[in-house]
Amino acid sequence: MSYLSASVSDGSDPRQSVANDDAPLLQYHKIAATKPKPRSYKRVLIVDDHSDTSLTFKVALEGGENNKEFEVYTYNDPLSALFEFKPDFYDLLLIDINLPYMNGFELYEKISKLDINVKVCFMSAGEVNHEAIREIHPSLNIGCFIQKPVTVEYLIKRVKAELE
């Protein structure tokens, strides 16, 4: 008996039963069409060259495990943050202005080319001349600025306000 003329013991053609069975195809489309569930928490990326600051901010924002509002990722090197940046992943960036290799404004300008929708809060322990920044970076909109040192309560309040 040749392969093409093989039949099932009940006399039906096995090729017909496979061709008519749409269950696997429908199952695939049902899985493919499933949208991911919305997250109950926001993803925050912190870039600060002082590891103690980024760790303190991370612990403050992540708080207790029972009420997870934020998932925080930290980098102490702006080049690593830029190289490993994931577009459409983070809800908010907290970027220190005074970083090695490039300042926080330059980092954000590069990141915004990868993800135009990501929100940002700039941070600095030093005095900032907003007029000078506008002249140097005219396309930059500094809507959120956090002056360090900052209390945990104010940090959380400011981050929540930016994410609304």
Protein backbone atom coordinates (compact mmCIF):
# COMPACT_ATOMS: atom_id res chain seq x y z
CA MET A 1 0.00 0.00 0.00
CA SER A 2 1.43 3.37 -0.93
CA TYR A 3 1.56 6.31 1.44
CA LEU A 4 -0.92 8.31 -0.63
CA SER A 5 -3.52 5.61 -0.66
CA ALA A 6 -3.35 4.88 3.06
CA SER A 7 -6.64 5.12 4.89
CA VAL A 8 -7.84 4.90 8.45
CA SER A 9 -9.37 1.64 9.66
CA ASP A 10 -12.86 3.13 9.42
CA GLY A 11 -12.30 3.82 5.72
CA SER A 12 -12.05 7.59 5.95
CA ASP A 13 -9.17 9.57 4.48
CA PRO A 14 -6.81 10.79 7.29
CA ARG A 15 -5.86 13.84 5.23
CA GLN A 16 -9.47 15.03 5.33
CA SER A 17 -9.74 14.77 9.11
CA VAL A 18 -6.58 16.86 9.58
CA ALA A 19 -7.60 19.40 6.95
CA ASN A 20 -11.02 19.85 8.52
CA ASP A 21 -9.81 20.11 12.11
CA ASP A 22 -9.49 23.84 12.81
CA ALA A 23 -9.10 23.38 16.57
CA PRO A 24 -5.29 23.82 16.65
CA LEU A 25 -5.49 26.88 14.40
CA LEU A 26 -8.28 28.44 16.45
CA GLN A 27 -6.37 27.72 19.66
CA TYR A 28 -3.30 29.48 18.21
CA HIS A 29 -5.29 32.58 17.25
CA LYS A 30 -7.01 32.65 20.63
CA ILE A 31 -3.60 32.68 22.34
CA ALA A 32 -2.13 35.20 19.88
CA ALA A 33 -5.08 37.55 20.31
CA THR A 34 -4.88 37.51 24.11
CA LYS A 35 -3.77 40.90 25.37
CA PRO A 36 -1.40 41.04 28.30
CA LYS A 37 -3.05 41.94 31.58
CA PRO A 38 -2.45 45.53 32.65
CA ARG A 39 0.19 45.87 35.33
CA SER A 40 -0.88 47.04 38.76
CA TYR A 41 2.50 48.72 39.27
CA LYS A 42 4.62 51.28 37.41
CA ARG A 43 8.17 50.70 36.18
CA VAL A 44 10.70 53.36 37.16
CA LEU A 45 14.26 53.62 35.87
CA ILE A 46 16.74 55.48 38.09
CA VAL A 47 20.07 56.64 36.65
CA ASP A 48 22.36 58.14 39.29
CA ASP A 49 26.13 57.71 39.54
CA HIS A 50 25.91 57.48 43.33
CA SER A 51 24.92 53.91 44.15
CA ASP A 52 23.78 54.86 47.67
CA THR A 53 21.29 57.36 46.21
CA SER A 54 19.90 54.97 43.59
CA LEU A 55 19.59 52.15 46.16
CA THR A 56 17.89 54.44 48.70
CA PHE A 57 15.41 55.64 46.07
CA LYS A 58 14.76 52.07 44.93
CA VAL A 59 14.02 50.85 48.46
CA ALA A 60 11.84 53.90 49.16
CA LEU A 61 9.76 53.46 46.01
CA GLU A 62 9.39 49.69 46.14
CA GLY A 63 8.44 49.79 49.83
CA GLY A 64 6.69 46.71 51.17
CA GLU A 65 5.94 43.64 49.08
CA ASN A 66 2.24 43.61 49.98
CA ASN A 67 1.40 46.87 48.21
CA LYS A 68 3.61 46.95 45.12
CA GLU A 69 3.20 50.28 43.38
CA PHE A 70 6.58 50.50 41.68
CA GLU A 71 9.10 48.17 40.12
CA VAL A 72 12.43 50.01 40.13
CA TYR A 73 15.49 49.45 37.94
CA THR A 74 18.74 51.25 38.71
CA TYR A 75 21.90 52.13 36.82
CA ASN A 76 24.95 53.99 38.10
CA ASP A 77 26.44 54.42 34.64
CA PRO A 78 24.56 56.34 31.93
CA LEU A 79 26.24 54.40 29.12
CA SER A 80 25.00 51.09 30.55
CA ALA A 81 21.53 52.57 31.04
CA LEU A 82 21.49 53.74 27.43
CA PHE A 83 22.88 50.50 26.02
CA GLU A 84 20.40 48.32 27.93
CA PHE A 85 17.40 50.67 27.62
CA LYS A 86 14.12 48.94 26.70
CA PRO A 87 11.71 51.11 24.69
CA ASP A 88 8.06 51.07 25.83
CA PHE A 89 9.06 49.36 29.09
CA TYR A 90 9.47 52.13 31.66
CA ASP A 91 6.74 54.47 32.85
CA LEU A 92 9.09 57.06 34.33
CA LEU A 93 12.80 57.89 34.31
CA LEU A 94 14.54 59.53 37.28
CA ILE A 95 17.81 60.88 35.88
CA ASP A 96 20.51 62.71 37.80
CA ILE A 97 21.87 65.70 35.88
CA ASN A 98 25.52 65.32 36.91
CA LEU A 99 26.64 62.00 35.45
CA PRO A 100 29.99 60.77 34.11
CA TYR A 101 30.49 60.52 30.30
CA MET A 102 27.36 62.55 29.53
CA ASN A 103 25.02 64.70 31.58
CA GLY A 104 21.45 63.68 32.38
CA PHE A 105 19.99 65.96 29.71
CA GLU A 106 22.16 64.38 27.00
CA LEU A 107 21.19 60.92 28.24
CA TYR A 108 17.50 61.79 28.07
CA GLU A 109 17.85 63.25 24.57
CA LYS A 110 19.35 59.93 23.40
CA ILE A 111 16.71 57.85 25.24
CA SER A 112 13.86 59.95 23.85
CA LYS A 113 14.97 58.97 20.35
CA LEU A 114 14.34 55.34 21.37
CA ASP A 115 11.09 55.98 23.28
CA ILE A 116 9.27 59.25 22.61
CA ASN A 117 6.54 58.56 25.18
CA VAL A 118 8.61 57.97 28.30
CA LYS A 119 8.25 60.54 31.09
CA VAL A 120 11.25 61.96 32.93
CA CYS A 121 12.13 63.66 36.20
CA PHE A 122 15.56 65.22 36.43
CA MET A 123 17.40 65.31 39.76
CA SER A 124 20.34 67.25 41.11
CA ALA A 125 22.00 68.07 44.40
CA GLY A 126 23.42 71.27 42.91
CA GLU A 127 21.84 74.51 41.86
CA VAL A 128 20.36 74.47 38.37
CA ASN A 129 20.05 77.45 36.06
CA HIS A 130 16.92 76.61 34.08
CA GLU A 131 17.46 79.46 31.59
CA ALA A 132 20.95 78.20 30.73
CA ILE A 133 19.60 74.67 30.28
CA ARG A 134 16.93 75.95 27.87
CA GLU A 135 19.63 77.69 25.82
CA ILE A 136 21.86 74.60 25.67
CA HIS A 137 19.01 72.07 25.20
CA PRO A 138 16.18 74.00 23.51
CA SER A 139 14.16 70.87 22.65
CA LEU A 140 14.14 69.71 26.27
CA ASN A 141 11.02 70.22 28.37
CA ILE A 142 11.92 70.09 32.04
CA GLY A 143 8.49 69.50 33.51
CA CYS A 144 9.72 67.61 36.56
CA PHE A 145 12.75 68.47 38.64
CA ILE A 146 13.66 67.00 42.05
CA GLN A 147 16.17 68.85 44.20
CA LYS A 148 18.34 66.48 46.27
CA PRO A 149 18.49 65.79 49.11
CA VAL A 150 14.84 64.80 49.15
CA THR A 151 12.64 63.13 51.73
CA VAL A 152 11.19 59.71 50.97
CA GLU A 153 7.67 61.10 51.33
CA TYR A 154 8.31 63.89 48.82
CA LEU A 155 10.02 61.51 46.37
CA ILE A 156 7.04 59.14 46.40
CA LYS A 157 4.55 62.04 46.12
CA ARG A 158 6.44 63.57 43.17
CA VAL A 159 6.79 60.25 41.32
CA LYS A 160 3.08 59.48 41.77
CA ALA A 161 2.17 62.97 40.51
CA GLU A 162 4.26 62.49 37.36
CA LEU A 163 2.64 59.14 36.61
CA GLU A 164 -0.95 60.42 36.83
